[in-house]
PDB file of N, CA and C in Angstrom:
ATOM      1  N   MET A   1     184.943 155.498 146.007  1.00  0.00           N
ATOM      2  CA  MET A   1     184.557 154.621 146.849  1.00  0.00           C
ATOM      3  C   MET A   1     184.179 155.525 148.323  1.00  0.00           C
ATOM      4  N   ALA A   2     183.102 154.362 148.856  1.00  0.00           N
ATOM      5  CA  ALA A   2     182.159 154.826 149.881  1.00  0.00           C
ATOM      6  C   ALA A   2     183.420 154.347 150.977  1.00  0.00           C
ATOM      7  N   LYS A   3     183.159 155.345 152.106  1.00  0.00           N
ATOM      8  CA  LYS A   3     183.692 155.689 153.674  1.00  0.00           C
ATOM      9  C   LYS A   3     183.478 153.751 153.959  1.00  0.00           C
ATOM     10  N   LYS A   4     184.449 153.143 154.877  1.00  0.00           N
ATOM     11  CA  LYS A   4     184.455 152.566 155.512  1.00  0.00           C
ATOM     12  C   LYS A   4     183.706 152.328 156.262  1.00  0.00           C
ATOM     13  N   GLN A   5     182.624 151.070 156.342  1.00  0.00           N
ATOM     14  CA  GLN A   5     181.313 151.267 157.353  1.00  0.00           C
ATOM     15  C   GLN A   5     181.380 150.638 158.396  1.00  0.00           C
ATOM     16  N   THR A   6     181.114 151.213 159.603  1.00  0.00           N
ATOM     17  CA  THR A   6     181.288 150.444 160.695  1.00  0.00           C
ATOM     18  C   THR A   6     180.148 150.093 161.816  1.00  0.00           C
ATOM     19  N   ALA A   7     179.395 150.403 161.217  1.00  0.00           N
ATOM     20  CA  ALA A   7     177.721 151.086 161.925  1.00  0.00           C
ATOM     21  C   ALA A   7     177.630 149.474 162.671  1.00  0.00           C
ATOM     22  N   GLY A   8     177.672 148.609 161.871  1.00  0.00           N
ATOM     23  CA  GLY A   8     177.666 147.363 162.945  1.00  0.00           C
ATOM     24  C   GLY A   8     178.345 146.874 163.808  1.00  0.00           C
ATOM     25  N   ARG A   9     180.008 147.095 163.812  1.00  0.00           N
ATOM     26  CA  ARG A   9     180.569 146.925 164.838  1.00  0.00           C
ATOM     27  C   ARG A   9     180.211 148.061 165.889  1.00  0.00           C
ATOM     28  N   ASP A  10     180.038 148.982 165.648  1.00  0.00           N
ATOM     29  CA  ASP A  10     179.890 150.320 166.586  1.00  0.00           C
ATOM     30  C   ASP A  10     178.688 149.840 167.201  1.00  0.00           C
ATOM     31  N   ASN A  11     177.486 149.085 166.947  1.00  0.00           N
ATOM     32  CA  ASN A  11     176.207 149.231 167.276  1.00  0.00           C
ATOM     33  C   ASN A  11     175.915 147.747 167.794  1.00  0.00           C
ATOM     34  N   LEU A  12     176.761 146.602 167.031  1.00  0.00           N
ATOM     35  CA  LEU A  12     175.847 145.231 167.861  1.00  0.00           C
ATOM     36  C   LEU A  12     176.801 144.374 167.484  1.00  0.00           C
ATOM     37  N   TRP A  13     178.177 144.556 167.693  1.00  0.00           N
ATOM     38  CA  TRP A  13     179.363 144.095 167.789  1.00  0.00           C
ATOM     39  C   TRP A  13     179.576 143.028 169.053  1.00  0.00           C
ATOM     40  N   ASP A  14     179.095 143.579 170.392  1.00  0.00           N
ATOM     41  CA  ASP A  14     178.881 143.060 171.622  1.00  0.00           C
ATOM     42  C   ASP A  14     177.436 141.803 171.505  1.00  0.00           C
ATOM     43  N   PHE A  15     176.601 142.214 170.771  1.00  0.00           N
ATOM     44  CA  PHE A  15     175.170 141.336 170.816  1.00  0.00           C
ATOM     45  C   PHE A  15     175.119 140.419 169.557  1.00  0.00           C
ATOM     46  N   ALA A  16     175.423 141.004 168.719  1.00  0.00           N
ATOM     47  CA  ALA A  16     175.336 139.852 167.317  1.00  0.00           C
ATOM     48  C   ALA A  16     176.820 140.180 166.439  1.00  0.00           C
ATOM     49  N   PRO A  17     177.630 139.635 166.923  1.00  0.00           N
ATOM     50  CA  PRO A  17     178.821 139.879 166.574  1.00  0.00           C
ATOM     51  C   PRO A  17     178.987 139.507 164.239  1.00  0.00           C
ATOM     52  N   GLN A  18     178.137 138.606 164.647  1.00  0.00           N
ATOM     53  CA  GLN A  18     178.237 137.894 163.173  1.00  0.00           C
ATOM     54  C   GLN A  18     177.422 138.493 162.122  1.00  0.00           C
ATOM     55  N   PHE A  19     176.044 139.192 162.851  1.00  0.00           N
ATOM     56  CA  PHE A  19     175.664 139.932 161.848  1.00  0.00           C
ATOM     57  C   PHE A  19     176.192 141.474 161.591  1.00  0.00           C
ATOM     58  N   ALA A  20     176.784 142.066 162.455  1.00  0.00           N
ATOM     59  CA  ALA A  20     177.719 142.968 162.375  1.00  0.00           C
ATOM     60  C   ALA A  20     178.641 143.130 161.778  1.00  0.00           C
ATOM     61  N   ALA A  21     179.694 141.686 161.193  1.00  0.00           N
ATOM     62  CA  ALA A  21     180.961 141.869 160.819  1.00  0.00           C
ATOM     63  C   ALA A  21     180.086 141.605 159.186  1.00  0.00           C
ATOM     64  N   LEU A  22     178.869 140.944 158.932  1.00  0.00           N
ATOM     65  CA  LEU A  22     177.958 140.830 157.453  1.00  0.00           C
ATOM     66  C   LEU A  22     177.863 141.935 157.156  1.00  0.00           C
ATOM     67  N   ASN A  23     176.946 142.940 158.125  1.00  0.00           N
ATOM     68  CA  ASN A  23     176.651 144.227 157.483  1.00  0.00           C
ATOM     69  C   ASN A  23     178.031 145.059 157.132  1.00  0.00           C
ATOM     70  N   ASP A  24     179.328 145.287 157.932  1.00  0.00           N
ATOM     71  CA  ASP A  24     179.987 145.849 157.402  1.00  0.00           C
ATOM     72  C   ASP A  24     181.053 145.297 156.466  1.00  0.00           C
ATOM     73  N   ASP A  25     181.213 143.765 156.389  1.00  0.00           N
ATOM     74  CA  ASP A  25     182.348 143.243 155.683  1.00  0.00           C
ATOM     75  C   ASP A  25     181.658 143.055 153.987  1.00  0.00           C
ATOM     76  N   VAL A  26     180.287 142.882 154.024  1.00  0.00           N
ATOM     77  CA  VAL A  26     179.662 142.106 153.083  1.00  0.00           C
ATOM     78  C   VAL A  26     178.801 143.157 152.083  1.00  0.00           C
ATOM     79  N   LEU A  27     177.756 143.848 152.804  1.00  0.00           N
ATOM     80  CA  LEU A  27     176.679 144.186 152.624  1.00  0.00           C
ATOM     81  C   LEU A  27     177.705 145.518 152.094  1.00  0.00           C
ATOM     82  N   PHE A  28     178.232 146.220 152.928  1.00  0.00           N
ATOM     83  CA  PHE A  28     178.796 147.573 152.715  1.00  0.00           C
ATOM     84  C   PHE A  28     180.438 147.507 152.146  1.00  0.00           C
ATOM     85  N   GLY A  29     180.515 146.428 152.593  1.00  0.00           N
ATOM     86  CA  GLY A  29     182.085 146.682 152.204  1.00  0.00           C
ATOM     87  C   GLY A  29     182.487 146.095 150.860  1.00  0.00           C
ATOM     88  N   GLU A  30     181.292 144.980 150.209  1.00  0.00           N
ATOM     89  CA  GLU A  30     181.989 143.820 148.848  1.00  0.00           C
ATOM     90  C   GLU A  30     180.553 144.438 148.110  1.00  0.00           C
ATOM     91  N   VAL A  31     178.943 144.358 148.731  1.00  0.00           N
ATOM     92  CA  VAL A  31     178.010 144.833 147.610  1.00  0.00           C
ATOM     93  C   VAL A  31     178.493 146.762 147.177  1.00  0.00           C
ATOM     94  N   TRP A  32     177.786 147.327 147.814  1.00  0.00           N
ATOM     95  CA  TRP A  32     178.154 148.449 147.965  1.00  0.00           C
ATOM     96  C   TRP A  32     179.346 149.343 147.471  1.00  0.00           C
ATOM     97  N   ASP A  33     180.550 148.298 147.331  1.00  0.00           N
ATOM     98  CA  ASP A  33     181.997 148.894 146.655  1.00  0.00           C
ATOM     99  C   ASP A  33     181.772 148.517 145.286  1.00  0.00           C
ATOM    100  N   LYS A  34     181.012 148.074 144.988  1.00  0.00           N
ATOM    101  CA  LYS A  34     180.961 147.940 143.434  1.00  0.00           C
ATOM    102  C   LYS A  34     179.894 148.789 142.601  1.00  0.00           C
ATOM    103  N   GLU A  35     181.093 149.781 142.357  1.00  0.00           N
ATOM    104  CA  GLU A  35     180.721 151.191 141.667  1.00  0.00           C
ATOM    105  C   GLU A  35     180.836 150.939 140.091  1.00  0.00           C
ATOM    106  N   ASN A  36     181.153 149.941 140.001  1.00  0.00           N
ATOM    107  CA  ASN A  36     181.538 149.650 138.623  1.00  0.00           C
ATOM    108  C   ASN A  36     180.375 149.227 137.649  1.00  0.00           C
ATOM    109  N   GLU A  37     179.492 148.722 139.141  1.00  0.00           N
ATOM    110  CA  GLU A  37     177.800 148.069 138.512  1.00  0.00           C
ATOM    111  C   GLU A  37     176.681 149.292 138.565  1.00  0.00           C
ATOM    112  N   LEU A  38     177.081 149.632 140.187  1.00  0.00           N
ATOM    113  CA  LEU A  38     175.762 150.829 140.519  1.00  0.00           C
ATOM    114  C   LEU A  38     176.987 151.627 141.261  1.00  0.00           C
ATOM    115  N   SER A  39     176.543 153.066 140.830  1.00  0.00           N
ATOM    116  CA  SER A  39     176.945 154.063 141.647  1.00  0.00           C
ATOM    117  C   SER A  39     176.863 154.389 142.873  1.00  0.00           C
ATOM    118  N   ALA A  40     177.535 154.611 143.927  1.00  0.00           N
ATOM    119  CA  ALA A  40     177.059 154.955 145.202  1.00  0.00           C
ATOM    120  C   ALA A  40     175.378 155.494 145.140  1.00  0.00           C
ATOM    121  N   HIS A  41     175.252 156.825 144.777  1.00  0.00           N
ATOM    122  CA  HIS A  41     174.479 157.503 144.231  1.00  0.00           C
ATOM    123  C   HIS A  41     173.223 156.737 143.900  1.00  0.00           C
ATOM    124  N   ASP A  42     173.428 156.009 143.054  1.00  0.00           N
ATOM    125  CA  ASP A  42     172.288 154.612 142.260  1.00  0.00           C
ATOM    126  C   ASP A  42     171.554 154.198 143.390  1.00  0.00           C
ATOM    127  N   ARG A  43     173.427 153.557 144.541  1.00  0.00           N
ATOM    128  CA  ARG A  43     172.741 152.793 145.386  1.00  0.00           C
ATOM    129  C   ARG A  43     171.985 153.143 146.105  1.00  0.00           C
ATOM    130  N   SER A  44     172.216 154.630 146.724  1.00  0.00           N
ATOM    131  CA  SER A  44     171.264 154.944 148.157  1.00  0.00           C
ATOM    132  C   SER A  44     170.262 155.771 147.503  1.00  0.00           C
ATOM    133  N   LEU A  45     169.703 155.696 146.610  1.00  0.00           N
ATOM    134  CA  LEU A  45     168.435 156.123 145.840  1.00  0.00           C
ATOM    135  C   LEU A  45     167.495 154.679 145.900  1.00  0.00           C
ATOM    136  N   ILE A  46     168.154 153.581 145.581  1.00  0.00           N
ATOM    137  CA  ILE A  46     167.332 152.129 145.364  1.00  0.00           C
ATOM    138  C   ILE A  46     166.960 152.260 146.615  1.00  0.00           C
ATOM    139  N   THR A  47     168.046 151.874 147.926  1.00  0.00           N
ATOM    140  CA  THR A  47     167.779 151.405 149.716  1.00  0.00           C
ATOM    141  C   THR A  47     166.877 152.649 149.709  1.00  0.00           C
ATOM    142  N   ILE A  48     167.171 153.870 149.455  1.00  0.00           N
ATOM    143  CA  ILE A  48     165.904 154.969 149.955  1.00  0.00           C
ATOM    144  C   ILE A  48     164.633 154.156 149.620  1.00  0.00           C
ATOM    145  N   ALA A  49     164.382 153.514 148.238  1.00  0.00           N
ATOM    146  CA  ALA A  49     163.044 153.358 148.127  1.00  0.00           C
ATOM    147  C   ALA A  49     162.981 151.953 148.688  1.00  0.00           C
ATOM    148  N   SER A  50     163.593 151.984 148.959  1.00  0.00           N
ATOM    149  CA  SER A  50     163.144 149.895 149.562  1.00  0.00           C
ATOM    150  C   SER A  50     162.800 150.184 150.880  1.00  0.00           C
ATOM    151  N   ILE A  51     163.476 151.104 151.587  1.00  0.00           N
ATOM    152  CA  ILE A  51     163.195 151.605 152.937  1.00  0.00           C
ATOM    153  C   ILE A  51     161.670 152.180 153.056  1.00  0.00           C
ATOM    154  N   ILE A  52     161.269 153.055 152.201  1.00  0.00           N
ATOM    155  CA  ILE A  52     160.791 153.861 152.225  1.00  0.00           C
ATOM    156  C   ILE A  52     159.593 153.010 151.598  1.00  0.00           C
ATOM    157  N   SER A  53     159.320 152.551 151.251  1.00  0.00           N
ATOM    158  CA  SER A  53     158.563 151.102 150.628  1.00  0.00           C
ATOM    159  C   SER A  53     158.374 150.333 151.568  1.00  0.00           C
ATOM    160  N   ALA A  54     158.888 149.724 152.223  1.00  0.00           N
ATOM    161  CA  ALA A  54     158.892 148.853 153.089  1.00  0.00           C
ATOM    162  C   ALA A  54     158.317 149.380 154.739  1.00  0.00           C
ATOM    163  N   GLY A  55     158.312 150.580 154.799  1.00  0.00           N
ATOM    164  CA  GLY A  55     158.038 151.431 156.302  1.00  0.00           C
ATOM    165  C   GLY A  55     158.751 151.081 157.059  1.00  0.00           C
ATOM    166  N   ASN A  56     160.354 150.947 156.839  1.00  0.00           N
ATOM    167  CA  ASN A  56     161.578 150.960 157.533  1.00  0.00           C
ATOM    168  C   ASN A  56     162.218 152.072 158.532  1.00  0.00           C
ATOM    169  N   THR A  57     160.879 153.280 158.781  1.00  0.00           N
ATOM    170  CA  THR A  57     161.373 154.259 158.838  1.00  0.00           C
ATOM    171  C   THR A  57     162.606 154.709 159.805  1.00  0.00           C
ATOM    172  N   GLU A  58     162.674 153.510 160.794  1.00  0.00           N
ATOM    173  CA  GLU A  58     164.172 153.811 161.877  1.00  0.00           C
ATOM    174  C   GLU A  58     165.412 153.777 161.180  1.00  0.00           C
ATOM    175  N   GLN A  59     165.251 153.351 159.937  1.00  0.00           N
ATOM    176  CA  GLN A  59     166.876 152.936 159.361  1.00  0.00           C
ATOM    177  C   GLN A  59     166.941 153.997 157.711  1.00  0.00           C
ATOM    178  N   LEU A  60     165.611 154.971 157.839  1.00  0.00           N
ATOM    179  CA  LEU A  60     165.866 156.072 157.141  1.00  0.00           C
ATOM    180  C   LEU A  60     166.319 157.052 156.868  1.00  0.00           C
ATOM    181  N   GLU A  61     166.251 157.479 158.109  1.00  0.00           N
ATOM    182  CA  GLU A  61     167.509 158.409 158.667  1.00  0.00           C
ATOM    183  C   GLU A  61     168.795 158.980 157.998  1.00  0.00           C
ATOM    184  N   ALA A  62     169.753 157.424 158.309  1.00  0.00           N
ATOM    185  CA  ALA A  62     170.998 157.214 158.164  1.00  0.00           C
ATOM    186  C   ALA A  62     170.940 157.044 156.740  1.00  0.00           C
ATOM    187  N   HIS A  63     170.048 156.575 155.809  1.00  0.00           N
ATOM    188  CA  HIS A  63     170.445 156.486 154.589  1.00  0.00           C
ATOM    189  C   HIS A  63     169.731 157.575 153.967  1.00  0.00           C
ATOM    190  N   LEU A  64     168.862 158.336 154.327  1.00  0.00           N
ATOM    191  CA  LEU A  64     169.053 159.950 153.431  1.00  0.00           C
ATOM    192  C   LEU A  64     170.126 160.798 153.853  1.00  0.00           C
ATOM    193  N   ARG A  65     170.652 160.796 155.170  1.00  0.00           N
ATOM    194  CA  ARG A  65     172.274 161.213 154.926  1.00  0.00           C
ATOM    195  C   ARG A  65     173.121 160.574 153.793  1.00  0.00           C
ATOM    196  N   ILE A  66     173.413 159.097 154.252  1.00  0.00           N
ATOM    197  CA  ILE A  66     174.280 158.744 153.639  1.00  0.00           C
ATOM    198  C   ILE A  66     174.369 159.354 151.827  1.00  0.00           C
ATOM    199  N   GLY A  67     172.647 159.508 151.723  1.00  0.00           N
ATOM    200  CA  GLY A  67     172.638 159.694 150.263  1.00  0.00           C
ATOM    201  C   GLY A  67     172.455 160.897 149.718  1.00  0.00           C
ATOM    202  N   LYS A  68     172.753 161.719 150.779  1.00  0.00           N
ATOM    203  CA  LYS A  68     172.920 163.103 150.689  1.00  0.00           C
ATOM    204  C   LYS A  68     174.519 163.451 150.174  1.00  0.00           C
ATOM    205  N   GLN A  69     175.378 162.597 151.492  1.00  0.00           N
ATOM    206  CA  GLN A  69     176.587 162.005 151.000  1.00  0.00           C
ATOM    207  C   GLN A  69     177.570 162.352 149.984  1.00  0.00           C
ATOM    208  N   HIS A  70     176.212 161.140 148.868  1.00  0.00           N
ATOM    209  CA  HIS A  70     176.482 160.370 147.564  1.00  0.00           C
ATOM    210  C   HIS A  70     175.885 161.307 146.602  1.00  0.00           C
ATOM    211  N   GLY A  71     175.534 162.281 147.084  1.00  0.00           N
ATOM    212  CA  GLY A  71     175.030 163.558 145.840  1.00  0.00           C
ATOM    213  C   GLY A  71     173.717 163.797 145.610  1.00  0.00           C
ATOM    214  N   ILE A  72     172.811 162.611 146.176  1.00  0.00           N
ATOM    215  CA  ILE A  72     171.752 163.123 145.624  1.00  0.00           C
ATOM    216  C   ILE A  72     171.293 164.442 146.158  1.00  0.00           C
ATOM    217  N   THR A  73     170.434 164.931 145.457  1.00  0.00           N
ATOM    218  CA  THR A  73     170.181 166.618 145.606  1.00  0.00           C
ATOM    219  C   THR A  73     168.792 166.648 145.746  1.00  0.00           C
ATOM    220  N   LYS A  74     168.685 167.940 146.794  1.00  0.00           N
ATOM    221  CA  LYS A  74     167.046 167.834 147.189  1.00  0.00           C
ATOM    222  C   LYS A  74     166.011 167.526 146.048  1.00  0.00           C
ATOM    223  N   GLU A  75     166.528 168.180 144.506  1.00  0.00           N
ATOM    224  CA  GLU A  75     165.360 167.809 144.204  1.00  0.00           C
ATOM    225  C   GLU A  75     165.133 166.276 143.387  1.00  0.00           C
ATOM    226  N   GLU A  76     166.337 165.690 143.770  1.00  0.00           N
ATOM    227  CA  GLU A  76     165.919 164.296 142.896  1.00  0.00           C
ATOM    228  C   GLU A  76     165.655 163.672 144.380  1.00  0.00           C
ATOM    229  N   ILE A  77     165.729 164.039 145.462  1.00  0.00           N
ATOM    230  CA  ILE A  77     164.838 163.442 146.490  1.00  0.00           C
ATOM    231  C   ILE A  77     163.675 163.513 146.694  1.00  0.00           C
ATOM    232  N   VAL A  78     163.261 164.545 146.661  1.00  0.00           N
ATOM    233  CA  VAL A  78     161.633 165.583 146.149  1.00  0.00           C
ATOM    234  C   VAL A  78     161.044 164.427 144.833  1.00  0.00           C
ATOM    235  N   ALA A  79     161.438 164.352 144.125  1.00  0.00           N
ATOM    236  CA  ALA A  79     161.311 163.579 143.000  1.00  0.00           C
ATOM    237  C   ALA A  79     160.783 162.067 143.278  1.00  0.00           C
ATOM    238  N   GLU A  80     162.238 161.289 144.224  1.00  0.00           N
ATOM    239  CA  GLU A  80     161.907 159.942 144.566  1.00  0.00           C
ATOM    240  C   GLU A  80     160.436 159.733 145.564  1.00  0.00           C
ATOM    241  N   ILE A  81     160.465 160.562 146.356  1.00  0.00           N
ATOM    242  CA  ILE A  81     159.502 160.447 147.510  1.00  0.00           C
ATOM    243  C   ILE A  81     157.753 160.683 146.969  1.00  0.00           C
ATOM    244  N   THR A  82     158.149 161.634 145.979  1.00  0.00           N
ATOM    245  CA  THR A  82     156.660 161.939 145.160  1.00  0.00           C
ATOM    246  C   THR A  82     156.388 161.232 144.251  1.00  0.00           C
ATOM    247  N   HIS A  83     157.280 160.333 143.661  1.00  0.00           N
ATOM    248  CA  HIS A  83     157.201 159.351 142.834  1.00  0.00           C
ATOM    249  C   HIS A  83     156.325 158.008 143.732  1.00  0.00           C
ATOM    250  N   LEU A  84     157.076 157.705 144.635  1.00  0.00           N
ATOM    251  CA  LEU A  84     157.000 156.782 145.803  1.00  0.00           C
ATOM    252  C   LEU A  84     155.560 156.420 146.701  1.00  0.00           C
ATOM    253  N   ALA A  85     155.564 157.956 146.464  1.00  0.00           N
ATOM    254  CA  ALA A  85     154.093 158.057 147.131  1.00  0.00           C
ATOM    255  C   ALA A  85     152.959 157.085 146.483  1.00  0.00           C
ATOM    256  N   PHE A  86     152.602 157.116 145.413  1.00  0.00           N
ATOM    257  CA  PHE A  86     151.894 156.424 144.611  1.00  0.00           C
ATOM    258  C   PHE A  86     152.046 154.793 144.610  1.00  0.00           C
ATOM    259  N   TYR A  87     153.150 154.586 144.921  1.00  0.00           N
ATOM    260  CA  TYR A  87     152.658 152.832 144.966  1.00  0.00           C
ATOM    261  C   TYR A  87     153.358 152.381 145.781  1.00  0.00           C
ATOM    262  N   ALA A  88     154.270 153.422 147.236  1.00  0.00           N
ATOM    263  CA  ALA A  88     154.190 152.887 148.267  1.00  0.00           C
ATOM    264  C   ALA A  88     152.916 152.597 149.257  1.00  0.00           C
ATOM    265  N   GLY A  89     152.517 154.503 149.135  1.00  0.00           N
ATOM    266  CA  GLY A  89     151.716 154.739 149.787  1.00  0.00           C
ATOM    267  C   GLY A  89     151.992 156.325 150.112  1.00  0.00           C
ATOM    268  N   TRP A  90     150.711 156.901 150.415  1.00  0.00           N
ATOM    269  CA  TRP A  90     150.758 158.266 150.941  1.00  0.00           C
ATOM    270  C   TRP A  90     151.598 158.752 152.401  1.00  0.00           C
ATOM    271  N   PRO A  91     150.707 157.530 153.318  1.00  0.00           N
ATOM    272  CA  PRO A  91     151.573 158.184 154.724  1.00  0.00           C
ATOM    273  C   PRO A  91     153.036 158.059 154.524  1.00  0.00           C
ATOM    274  N   LYS A  92     153.278 156.635 153.977  1.00  0.00           N
ATOM    275  CA  LYS A  92     154.671 156.877 154.008  1.00  0.00           C
ATOM    276  C   LYS A  92     155.310 157.973 153.019  1.00  0.00           C
ATOM    277  N   ALA A  93     154.878 158.146 152.390  1.00  0.00           N
ATOM    278  CA  ALA A  93     155.591 159.357 151.373  1.00  0.00           C
ATOM    279  C   ALA A  93     155.634 161.066 152.394  1.00  0.00           C
ATOM    280  N   TRP A  94     154.604 160.893 153.144  1.00  0.00           N
ATOM    281  CA  TRP A  94     154.728 161.920 154.474  1.00  0.00           C
ATOM    282  C   TRP A  94     155.605 161.873 155.353  1.00  0.00           C
ATOM    283  N   SER A  95     155.758 160.329 155.610  1.00  0.00           N
ATOM    284  CA  SER A  95     156.793 160.237 157.104  1.00  0.00           C
ATOM    285  C   SER A  95     158.325 160.576 156.147  1.00  0.00           C
ATOM    286  N   ALA A  96     158.253 160.295 155.236  1.00  0.00           N
ATOM    287  CA  ALA A  96     159.779 160.706 154.264  1.00  0.00           C
ATOM    288  C   ALA A  96     160.184 161.819 154.232  1.00  0.00           C
ATOM    289  N   PHE A  97     159.174 162.155 153.605  1.00  0.00           N
ATOM    290  CA  PHE A  97     159.249 164.171 153.051  1.00  0.00           C
ATOM    291  C   PHE A  97     159.959 164.575 154.725  1.00  0.00           C
ATOM    292  N   ASN A  98     158.576 164.121 155.874  1.00  0.00           N
ATOM    293  CA  ASN A  98     159.681 165.205 157.200  1.00  0.00           C
ATOM    294  C   ASN A  98     160.882 164.495 157.946  1.00  0.00           C
ATOM    295  N   ARG A  99     161.517 163.771 157.054  1.00  0.00           N
ATOM    296  CA  ARG A  99     162.736 163.529 157.061  1.00  0.00           C
ATOM    297  C   ARG A  99     163.814 163.865 156.475  1.00  0.00           C
ATOM    298  N   ALA A 100     163.628 163.921 155.116  1.00  0.00           N
ATOM    299  CA  ALA A 100     164.033 164.430 154.211  1.00  0.00           C
ATOM    300  C   ALA A 100     163.825 165.998 154.006  1.00  0.00           C
ATOM    301  N   LYS A 101     163.385 166.644 154.742  1.00  0.00           N
ATOM    302  CA  LYS A 101     163.033 167.594 155.033  1.00  0.00           C
ATOM    303  C   LYS A 101     164.178 168.456 155.770  1.00  0.00           C
ATOM    304  N   GLU A 102     164.329 167.621 156.688  1.00  0.00           N
ATOM    305  CA  GLU A 102     165.058 168.114 157.998  1.00  0.00           C
ATOM    306  C   GLU A 102     166.811 167.905 157.225  1.00  0.00           C
ATOM    307  N   ILE A 103     166.870 167.164 156.807  1.00  0.00           N
ATOM    308  CA  ILE A 103     168.303 166.965 156.309  1.00  0.00           C
ATOM    309  C   ILE A 103     168.535 167.753 155.360  1.00  0.00           C
ATOM    310  N   TRP A 104     167.870 167.676 154.142  1.00  0.00           N
ATOM    311  CA  TRP A 104     168.240 168.556 153.111  1.00  0.00           C
ATOM    312  C   TRP A 104     168.145 170.136 153.647  1.00  0.00           C
ATOM    313  N   THR A 105     167.815 170.362 154.628  1.00  0.00           N
ATOM    314  CA  THR A 105     167.664 171.910 154.906  1.00  0.00           C
ATOM    315  C   THR A 105     168.758 172.276 156.001  1.00  0.00           C
ATOM    316  N   GLU A 106     169.558 170.976 156.822  1.00  0.00           N
ATOM    317  CA  GLU A 106     170.441 171.617 157.189  1.00  0.00           C
ATOM    318  C   GLU A 106     171.866 171.566 156.485  1.00  0.00           C
ATOM    319  N   GLU A 107     172.702 172.403 157.333  1.00  0.00           N
ATOM    320  CA  GLU A 107     173.739 173.214 156.327  1.00  0.00           C
ATOM    321  C   GLU A 107     174.806 172.068 156.648  1.00  0.00           C
TER     322      GLU A 107
END
């Protein structure tokens, strides 16, 4: 089971409480917790691919870190980003590699 998510409440509660609650309780509390359907590892791979494809770089670092916590290896993230380069775009892959390289070389 994934760690309880509080990013919505931590960052947006005072400004957008309903959105914050939906983020923490529904998206991460209900959808992400259904590990009998998809593992946290696989959900992270899917989420990272979606973020890269859409070009949502602001959210990418957080989800790369979450993915690493969920067991995504350096080899898997390199393969995923390389594969996405041909479907999502070369510049998006370059940007993703720059972030991933930082995260997977940290101790």
